[in-house]
Amino acid sequence: MALDLYAEDLVANYEHPHNKKTMENSDSSSHEYNTTCGDDITIYIKVKDGKVDNISFDGSGCAISVGTASKLTDAIKGKSIEDIEKLGFDFIVDLIGIDPGPARAKCASISLKALKHAVFIYEHKKPDKETERL
């Protein structure tokens, strides 16, 4: 897929986001705010048998942050909590198909940071250093 097609897919997910809604009775949630860009994302998860059974997000932001949150929620359904804890920025680059560069890295990673925080909250663990750097 050419770079333009990746960008078009990200914009399509921004304009018509998947799983964008608050989740009543979630098992865990986490909110992140990007002061640089104004991205404001909350991730909600429902866990069953150690895997994400349902996931949604709510909030607002730029095309990169909302488009990535949409794609992330699709990609995470069914993944184990253990696997999610190991995800890093490279996962986001692979997921969206473009490297957002240093200026937009926080926009691209805000939903992953919120997801990982929700998982750590669910597991009653402190976030790892890699998650804090997202």
Protein backbone atom coordinates (compact mmCIF):
# COMPACT_ATOMS: atom_id res chain seq x y z
CA MET A 1 0.00 0.00 0.00
CA ALA A 2 1.42 3.36 -0.95
CA LEU A 3 1.93 6.05 1.68
CA ASP A 4 -1.03 8.02 0.31
CA LEU A 5 -3.31 5.01 0.79
CA TYR A 6 -2.21 4.68 4.43
CA ALA A 7 -2.89 8.37 4.97
CA GLU A 8 -6.29 8.03 3.27
CA ASP A 9 -7.16 5.07 5.53
CA LEU A 10 -6.19 7.06 8.61
CA VAL A 11 -8.33 10.01 7.48
CA ALA A 12 -11.26 7.66 6.76
CA ASN A 13 -10.96 6.31 10.32
CA TYR A 14 -10.92 9.90 11.58
CA GLU A 15 -13.99 10.90 9.58
CA HIS A 16 -15.90 7.68 10.40
CA PRO A 17 -14.31 6.30 13.58
CA HIS A 18 -15.03 2.74 14.70
CA ASN A 19 -15.94 1.97 18.32
CA LYS A 20 -16.27 5.66 19.26
CA LYS A 21 -18.56 5.69 22.28
CA THR A 22 -18.41 5.66 26.03
CA MET A 23 -18.75 2.22 27.60
CA GLU A 24 -21.03 1.78 30.56
CA ASN A 25 -19.78 -0.77 33.08
CA SER A 26 -16.29 -1.06 31.60
CA ASP A 27 -13.80 -3.09 33.61
CA SER A 28 -11.27 -0.30 33.26
CA SER A 29 -10.75 3.00 31.51
CA SER A 30 -8.04 5.60 31.17
CA HIS A 31 -7.98 9.17 29.95
CA GLU A 32 -5.03 10.89 28.26
CA TYR A 33 -4.65 14.48 27.15
CA ASN A 34 -1.99 15.80 24.78
CA THR A 35 -1.29 19.39 25.81
CA THR A 36 0.69 20.06 22.64
CA CYS A 37 -2.08 19.27 20.18
CA GLY A 38 -5.22 19.20 22.32
CA ASP A 39 -5.93 15.50 21.73
CA ASP A 40 -8.28 14.21 24.41
CA ILE A 41 -8.82 10.42 24.38
CA THR A 42 -10.43 7.99 26.84
CA ILE A 43 -10.17 4.24 26.28
CA TYR A 44 -12.66 1.78 27.83
CA ILE A 45 -12.09 -1.98 28.05
CA LYS A 46 -14.14 -4.99 29.03
CA VAL A 47 -12.04 -8.08 29.83
CA LYS A 48 -13.11 -11.72 29.67
CA ASP A 49 -10.85 -14.72 30.26
CA GLY A 50 -7.73 -12.53 30.21
CA LYS A 51 -8.54 -11.00 26.81
CA VAL A 52 -10.11 -7.75 25.67
CA ASP A 53 -13.70 -8.73 24.96
CA ASN A 54 -14.84 -5.21 24.11
CA ILE A 55 -13.10 -1.88 23.64
CA SER A 56 -14.20 1.62 22.77
CA PHE A 57 -12.91 5.16 22.91
CA ASP A 58 -14.29 8.63 23.24
CA GLY A 59 -12.83 12.05 22.85
CA SER A 60 -11.58 14.42 20.23
CA GLY A 61 -8.39 15.39 18.53
CA CYS A 62 -6.53 15.61 15.27
CA ALA A 63 -6.88 13.16 12.39
CA ILE A 64 -3.85 11.18 13.57
CA SER A 65 -5.03 10.72 17.15
CA VAL A 66 -8.68 9.89 16.38
CA GLY A 67 -7.84 7.81 13.28
CA THR A 68 -5.28 5.81 15.25
CA ALA A 69 -7.70 5.30 18.17
CA SER A 70 -10.26 3.92 15.71
CA LYS A 71 -7.76 1.53 14.15
CA LEU A 72 -6.38 0.53 17.56
CA THR A 73 -9.80 -0.43 18.93
CA ASP A 74 -10.36 -2.69 15.92
CA ALA A 75 -6.92 -4.29 16.28
CA ILE A 76 -7.09 -4.93 20.03
CA LYS A 77 -10.34 -6.90 20.29
CA GLY A 78 -9.49 -10.44 21.35
CA LYS A 79 -5.88 -9.67 22.34
CA SER A 80 -4.63 -10.86 25.71
CA ILE A 81 -3.89 -8.42 28.50
CA GLU A 82 -0.36 -9.84 28.60
CA ASP A 83 0.19 -9.06 24.90
CA ILE A 84 -1.16 -5.52 25.27
CA GLU A 85 1.28 -4.80 28.09
CA LYS A 86 4.15 -5.49 25.67
CA LEU A 87 2.97 -3.17 22.87
CA GLY A 88 5.07 -0.13 22.02
CA PHE A 89 5.32 2.70 19.53
CA ASP A 90 6.46 0.35 16.72
CA PHE A 91 3.06 -1.35 16.96
CA ILE A 92 1.36 1.98 16.23
CA VAL A 93 3.63 2.70 13.25
CA ASP A 94 2.83 -0.74 11.83
CA LEU A 95 -0.88 -0.29 12.56
CA ILE A 96 -1.26 3.06 10.81
CA GLY A 97 1.32 2.36 8.13
CA ILE A 98 3.17 5.66 8.47
CA ASP A 99 5.78 7.07 10.79
CA PRO A 100 4.25 10.26 12.18
CA GLY A 101 7.68 11.70 12.99
CA PRO A 102 8.72 13.29 16.25
CA ALA A 103 6.33 16.23 16.00
CA ARG A 104 3.23 13.99 15.79
CA ALA A 105 4.40 10.93 17.76
CA LYS A 106 2.28 11.88 20.79
CA CYS A 107 -0.78 12.25 18.55
CA ALA A 108 -0.27 8.75 17.19
CA SER A 109 0.49 7.10 20.53
CA ILE A 110 -2.07 8.75 22.83
CA SER A 111 -4.65 5.99 22.42
CA LEU A 112 -2.07 3.25 23.01
CA LYS A 113 -0.92 5.03 26.15
CA ALA A 114 -4.53 5.25 27.38
CA LEU A 115 -5.11 1.58 26.52
CA LYS A 116 -2.00 0.42 28.34
CA HIS A 117 -2.87 2.55 31.37
CA ALA A 118 -6.37 1.00 31.39
CA VAL A 119 -4.76 -2.46 31.32
CA PHE A 120 -2.35 -1.60 34.13
CA ILE A 121 -5.24 -0.21 36.19
CA TYR A 122 -7.20 -3.41 35.53
CA GLU A 123 -4.20 -5.49 36.60
CA HIS A 124 -3.48 -3.26 39.64
CA LYS A 125 0.04 -2.64 38.33
CA LYS A 126 2.17 0.45 37.92
CA PRO A 127 2.75 1.47 34.27
CA ASP A 128 6.13 0.52 32.85
CA LYS A 129 8.68 3.10 31.68
CA GLU A 130 7.96 2.49 27.98
CA THR A 131 4.29 3.27 28.48
CA GLU A 132 5.13 6.48 30.30
CA ARG A 133 7.34 7.57 27.36
CA LEU A 134 4.52 7.16 24.82
